[in-house]
C-alpha atoms as a PDB file:
ATOM      1  CA  MET A   1    -205.821  -8.970 -32.155  1.00  0.00           C
ATOM      2  CA  ASP A   2    -209.017  -6.935 -30.347  1.00  0.00           C
ATOM      3  CA  ASN A   3    -207.501  -7.058 -27.165  1.00  0.00           C
ATOM      4  CA  LEU A   4    -204.356  -6.613 -26.909  1.00  0.00           C
ATOM      5  CA  HIS A   5    -204.236  -4.057 -24.898  1.00  0.00           C
ATOM      6  CA  ASP A   6    -206.075  -6.153 -22.504  1.00  0.00           C
ATOM      7  CA  GLN A   7    -203.549  -8.740 -21.998  1.00  0.00           C
ATOM      8  CA  GLU A   8    -202.101  -9.056 -18.805  1.00  0.00           C
ATOM      9  CA  SER A   9    -199.144 -10.741 -20.299  1.00  0.00           C
ATOM     10  CA  SER A  10    -197.742  -7.785 -21.270  1.00  0.00           C
ATOM     11  CA  PRO A  11    -194.789  -6.344 -18.980  1.00  0.00           C
ATOM     12  CA  PHE A  12    -195.439  -2.829 -20.284  1.00  0.00           C
ATOM     13  CA  SER A  13    -199.023  -2.684 -19.113  1.00  0.00           C
ATOM     14  CA  HIS A  14    -198.367  -1.826 -15.706  1.00  0.00           C
ATOM     15  CA  ASP A  15    -198.603   1.346 -14.016  1.00  0.00           C
ATOM     16  CA  GLU A  16    -195.885   2.922 -12.907  1.00  0.00           C
ATOM     17  CA  ASP A  17    -196.494   2.898 -10.074  1.00  0.00           C
ATOM     18  CA  GLU A  18    -196.761  -0.962  -9.586  1.00  0.00           C
ATOM     19  CA  ILE A  19    -192.975  -1.534 -10.535  1.00  0.00           C
ATOM     20  CA  ASP A  20    -190.792  -2.081  -7.139  1.00  0.00           C
ATOM     21  CA  ILE A  21    -188.355   0.206  -7.924  1.00  0.00           C
ATOM     22  CA  ASN A  22    -184.789  -0.813  -6.449  1.00  0.00           C
ATOM     23  CA  THR A  23    -182.582   2.403  -4.791  1.00  0.00           C
ATOM     24  CA  ASP A  24    -180.642   0.141  -2.783  1.00  0.00           C
ATOM     25  CA  TYR A  25    -177.931  -1.330  -5.539  1.00  0.00           C
ATOM     26  CA  ARG A  26    -175.125  -3.768  -4.120  1.00  0.00           C
ATOM     27  CA  ASP A  27    -171.877  -2.621  -3.515  1.00  0.00           C
ATOM     28  CA  PHE A  28    -169.515  -4.181  -5.505  1.00  0.00           C
ATOM     29  CA  GLY A  29    -165.962  -3.181  -4.077  1.00  0.00           C
ATOM     30  CA  PHE A  30    -165.466  -0.814  -6.442  1.00  0.00           C
ATOM     31  CA  ASN A  31    -164.731   2.883  -5.136  1.00  0.00           C
ATOM     32  CA  THR A  32    -165.498   5.670  -7.613  1.00  0.00           C
ATOM     33  CA  ASN A  33    -162.601   7.858  -5.657  1.00  0.00           C
ATOM     34  CA  ASP A  34    -159.480   5.641  -6.319  1.00  0.00           C
ATOM     35  CA  HIS A  35    -159.083   5.867  -9.994  1.00  0.00           C
ATOM     36  CA  GLY A  36    -158.309   2.706 -10.739  1.00  0.00           C
ATOM     37  CA  ARG A  37    -155.926   2.765  -8.186  1.00  0.00           C
ATOM     38  CA  ILE A  38    -156.063  -0.660  -5.484  1.00  0.00           C
ATOM     39  CA  ASN A  39    -154.263  -0.662  -2.259  1.00  0.00           C
ATOM     40  CA  GLY A  40    -152.452   2.163  -3.620  1.00  0.00           C
ATOM     41  CA  LYS A  41    -150.824   0.516  -6.599  1.00  0.00           C
ATOM     42  CA  PHE A  42    -151.898   1.971 -10.136  1.00  0.00           C
ATOM     43  CA  LEU A  43    -153.733  -0.851 -12.048  1.00  0.00           C
ATOM     44  CA  GLY A  44    -152.399  -3.737  -9.061  1.00  0.00           C
ATOM     45  CA  LEU A  45    -148.679  -4.045 -10.158  1.00  0.00           C
ATOM     46  CA  LYS A  46    -145.955  -3.010  -8.779  1.00  0.00           C
ATOM     47  CA  PRO A  47    -143.286  -0.082  -9.012  1.00  0.00           C
ATOM     48  CA  VAL A  48    -141.159  -2.370 -11.159  1.00  0.00           C
ATOM     49  CA  GLN A  49    -143.797  -4.335 -13.321  1.00  0.00           C
ATOM     50  CA  LEU A  50    -144.945  -1.012 -14.023  1.00  0.00           C
ATOM     51  CA  PHE A  51    -141.336   0.739 -15.039  1.00  0.00           C
ATOM     52  CA  ILE A  52    -141.387  -2.188 -17.395  1.00  0.00           C
ATOM     53  CA  ILE A  53    -143.799  -1.603 -18.897  1.00  0.00           C
ATOM     54  CA  LEU A  54    -143.744   2.113 -19.355  1.00  0.00           C
ATOM     55  CA  VAL A  55    -140.463   1.319 -21.032  1.00  0.00           C
ATOM     56  CA  MET A  56    -141.583  -0.958 -22.964  1.00  0.00           C
ATOM     57  CA  LEU A  57    -144.489   1.554 -24.015  1.00  0.00           C
ATOM     58  CA  LEU A  58    -142.015   4.081 -25.107  1.00  0.00           C
ATOM     59  CA  SER A  59    -138.870   1.772 -26.824  1.00  0.00           C
ATOM     60  CA  VAL A  60    -142.494   1.098 -29.351  1.00  0.00           C
ATOM     61  CA  VAL A  61    -143.263   4.730 -29.589  1.00  0.00           C
ATOM     62  CA  PHE A  62    -139.833   5.227 -30.439  1.00  0.00           C
ATOM     63  CA  LEU A  63    -139.465   2.607 -32.988  1.00  0.00           C
ATOM     64  CA  LEU A  64    -142.752   3.599 -34.250  1.00  0.00           C
ATOM     65  CA  GLY A  65    -141.678   7.098 -34.336  1.00  0.00           C
ATOM     66  CA  MET A  66    -138.414   5.977 -36.254  1.00  0.00           C
ATOM     67  CA  MET A  67    -139.918   3.834 -38.402  1.00  0.00           C
ATOM     68  CA  LEU A  68    -142.539   6.283 -39.355  1.00  0.00           C
ATOM     69  CA  LEU A  69    -139.893   9.397 -40.446  1.00  0.00           C
ATOM     70  CA  LEU A  70    -137.833   6.409 -42.125  1.00  0.00           C
ATOM     71  CA  VAL A  71    -140.754   5.732 -44.571  1.00  0.00           C
ATOM     72  CA  THR A  72    -141.920   9.270 -45.252  1.00  0.00           C
ATOM     73  CA  GLY A  73    -138.113   9.872 -46.177  1.00  0.00           C
ATOM     74  CA  LYS A  74    -137.889  12.751 -43.387  1.00  0.00           C
ATOM     75  CA  LEU A  75    -134.963  11.237 -42.196  1.00  0.00           C
ATOM     76  CA  VAL A  76    -132.288   8.444 -44.062  1.00  0.00           C
ATOM     77  CA  PRO A  77    -129.883   6.767 -42.788  1.00  0.00           C
ATOM     78  CA  SER A  78    -126.095   7.814 -43.528  1.00  0.00           C
ATOM     79  CA  PHE A  79    -125.471   4.411 -44.730  1.00  0.00           C
ATOM     80  CA  LEU A  80    -128.166   3.725 -47.563  1.00  0.00           C
END
């Protein structure tokens, strides 16, 4: 236990000058300037597909809002 600092197997025992720092990063095809656009398409979707997804999202938000208004009593249907 006295010679733990003399062991060469520890990766922390090397000086910082001996560590090879590779500054050449691989290009994985990510472009940070396009903000999620691939070939001019948002998320790689066709415009029709994107429109359908946005209409579905709008309907879900509308339904959740209506349910919240019904549960809290802010909106009372006329047939009740």
